[in-house]
Amino acid sequence: MGTEVHWLAILVAAVSGFLVGGLWYGPIFGKAWQAARGLSDDAMKNANMPMIFGLTFLLNLFSAFILDHTLTTYGAPDLSLSVMISSGVALGFIVPAIGVNYLFSRQSLRLFMIDAGYWLVIYSVMGVVFALL
């Protein structure tokens, strides 16, 4: 027995996550992230942005699909429960995984906070989208 798939909500959640990323790594934390990563302006300009954006959107779409499945197993959670579950996924799985990787790769706490904060926000936003749609 399967669960219902909410294709429109998945698409909107993925687009929302993509837009949050544009703001988060653009005007909000773009320069701080770039400095923490040690990326020059030239390195940023020479990146294959169509590939990066395309794959980022596909990965957001996959994450939204899995989050939809997770939320659907709870029935039809209301807004607060949907955001709590979505944020819990980020805080319980994604943020610790990033933390472990950053510890072993000797990344800065500042970079960790920027990237972990992004994932917490994006999953919270996707939780809102799923609750509303």
Protein backbone atom coordinates (compact mmCIF):
# COMPACT_ATOMS: atom_id res chain seq x y z
CA MET A 1 0.00 0.00 0.00
CA GLY A 2 1.52 3.33 -1.08
CA THR A 3 1.04 6.88 0.01
CA GLU A 4 -0.45 9.69 -2.04
CA VAL A 5 2.07 11.82 -3.96
CA HIS A 6 1.36 15.56 -4.04
CA TRP A 7 3.10 16.51 -7.28
CA LEU A 8 2.15 20.20 -7.30
CA ALA A 9 3.27 20.64 -3.69
CA ILE A 10 6.53 18.81 -4.47
CA LEU A 11 7.22 21.12 -7.40
CA VAL A 12 6.35 24.26 -5.42
CA ALA A 13 8.46 23.08 -2.47
CA ALA A 14 11.44 22.43 -4.77
CA VAL A 15 11.06 25.84 -6.42
CA SER A 16 10.73 27.46 -2.99
CA GLY A 17 13.91 25.78 -1.83
CA PHE A 18 15.68 26.91 -4.97
CA LEU A 19 14.52 30.51 -4.42
CA VAL A 20 15.56 30.43 -0.76
CA GLY A 21 18.99 29.26 -1.90
CA GLY A 22 19.23 32.17 -4.32
CA LEU A 23 18.55 34.61 -1.51
CA TRP A 24 20.59 32.76 1.13
CA TYR A 25 23.72 32.35 -0.98
CA GLY A 26 23.16 35.64 -2.81
CA PRO A 27 22.35 38.87 -0.99
CA ILE A 28 21.99 37.41 2.52
CA PHE A 29 25.16 35.30 3.02
CA GLY A 30 26.76 35.16 -0.45
CA LYS A 31 29.92 37.11 0.31
CA ALA A 32 30.38 35.52 3.75
CA TRP A 33 29.90 32.05 2.24
CA GLN A 34 32.31 32.80 -0.60
CA ALA A 35 34.96 34.02 1.86
CA ALA A 36 34.45 31.05 4.19
CA ARG A 37 34.83 28.68 1.23
CA GLY A 38 37.91 30.57 0.01
CA LEU A 39 36.43 31.15 -3.44
CA SER A 40 37.65 34.09 -5.51
CA ASP A 41 35.37 36.21 -7.67
CA ASP A 42 37.05 34.65 -10.72
CA ALA A 43 36.29 31.14 -9.47
CA MET A 44 32.68 32.14 -8.99
CA LYS A 45 32.46 33.63 -12.49
CA ASN A 46 34.06 30.59 -14.14
CA ALA A 47 31.69 28.05 -12.59
CA ASN A 48 29.33 26.03 -14.80
CA MET A 49 26.21 27.69 -13.39
CA PRO A 50 23.64 26.03 -15.68
CA MET A 51 24.85 22.61 -14.52
CA ILE A 52 25.04 23.71 -10.86
CA PHE A 53 21.56 25.26 -10.92
CA GLY A 54 20.06 22.36 -12.87
CA LEU A 55 21.43 19.69 -10.56
CA THR A 56 20.56 21.77 -7.49
CA PHE A 57 16.96 21.97 -8.64
CA LEU A 58 16.82 18.21 -9.30
CA LEU A 59 18.24 17.49 -5.85
CA ASN A 60 15.73 19.89 -4.27
CA LEU A 61 12.99 18.11 -6.21
CA PHE A 62 14.14 14.75 -4.85
CA SER A 63 14.34 16.13 -1.29
CA ALA A 64 10.83 17.58 -1.64
CA PHE A 65 9.56 14.21 -2.92
CA ILE A 66 11.01 12.37 0.08
CA LEU A 67 9.73 15.02 2.49
CA ASP A 68 6.26 14.72 0.95
CA HIS A 69 6.38 10.97 1.51
CA THR A 70 7.52 11.47 5.10
CA LEU A 71 4.78 13.99 5.87
CA THR A 72 2.13 11.85 4.18
CA THR A 73 2.88 9.00 6.58
CA TYR A 74 1.52 11.28 9.32
CA GLY A 75 -1.80 11.67 7.50
CA ALA A 76 -2.49 15.32 6.76
CA PRO A 77 -0.44 17.21 9.34
CA ASP A 78 -1.45 20.78 10.08
CA LEU A 79 0.93 23.72 9.58
CA SER A 80 2.67 23.53 12.94
CA LEU A 81 3.18 19.75 12.81
CA SER A 82 4.35 19.90 9.19
CA VAL A 83 6.95 22.55 10.01
CA MET A 84 7.98 20.71 13.17
CA ILE A 85 8.53 17.45 11.27
CA SER A 86 10.31 19.18 8.38
CA SER A 87 12.56 21.14 10.73
CA GLY A 88 13.16 17.98 12.73
CA VAL A 89 14.37 16.21 9.60
CA ALA A 90 16.82 19.05 8.98
CA LEU A 91 17.96 19.27 12.62
CA GLY A 92 18.07 15.53 13.19
CA PHE A 93 19.61 14.29 9.96
CA ILE A 94 20.96 16.98 7.64
CA VAL A 95 22.62 19.37 10.09
CA PRO A 96 24.48 16.60 11.99
CA ALA A 97 25.62 15.02 8.71
CA ILE A 98 26.99 18.35 7.51
CA GLY A 99 28.59 18.87 10.91
CA VAL A 100 30.45 15.56 10.77
CA ASN A 101 31.69 16.28 7.25
CA TYR A 102 32.80 19.78 8.22
CA LEU A 103 34.63 18.54 11.30
CA PHE A 104 36.67 16.02 9.33
CA SER A 105 37.30 18.41 6.43
CA ARG A 106 38.33 21.14 8.91
CA GLN A 107 35.72 23.65 7.73
CA SER A 108 34.98 26.72 9.82
CA LEU A 109 32.14 27.11 12.26
CA ARG A 110 31.03 30.15 10.26
CA LEU A 111 30.68 28.07 7.10
CA PHE A 112 28.85 25.37 9.03
CA MET A 113 26.38 27.90 10.43
CA ILE A 114 25.70 29.36 6.97
CA ASP A 115 25.17 25.99 5.31
CA ALA A 116 23.33 24.33 8.20
CA GLY A 117 21.11 27.40 8.56
CA TYR A 118 20.22 27.17 4.90
CA TRP A 119 19.08 23.57 5.24
CA LEU A 120 17.03 24.34 8.33
CA VAL A 121 15.31 27.23 6.55
CA ILE A 122 14.72 25.36 3.30
CA TYR A 123 13.14 22.38 5.07
CA SER A 124 11.00 24.68 7.21
CA VAL A 125 9.81 26.49 4.09
CA MET A 126 9.06 23.19 2.36
CA GLY A 127 7.08 22.14 5.43
CA VAL A 128 4.98 25.28 5.11
CA VAL A 129 4.41 24.60 1.41
CA PHE A 130 3.26 21.04 2.07
CA ALA A 131 0.91 22.17 4.83
CA LEU A 132 -0.65 24.86 2.65
CA LEU A 133 -0.94 22.76 -0.52
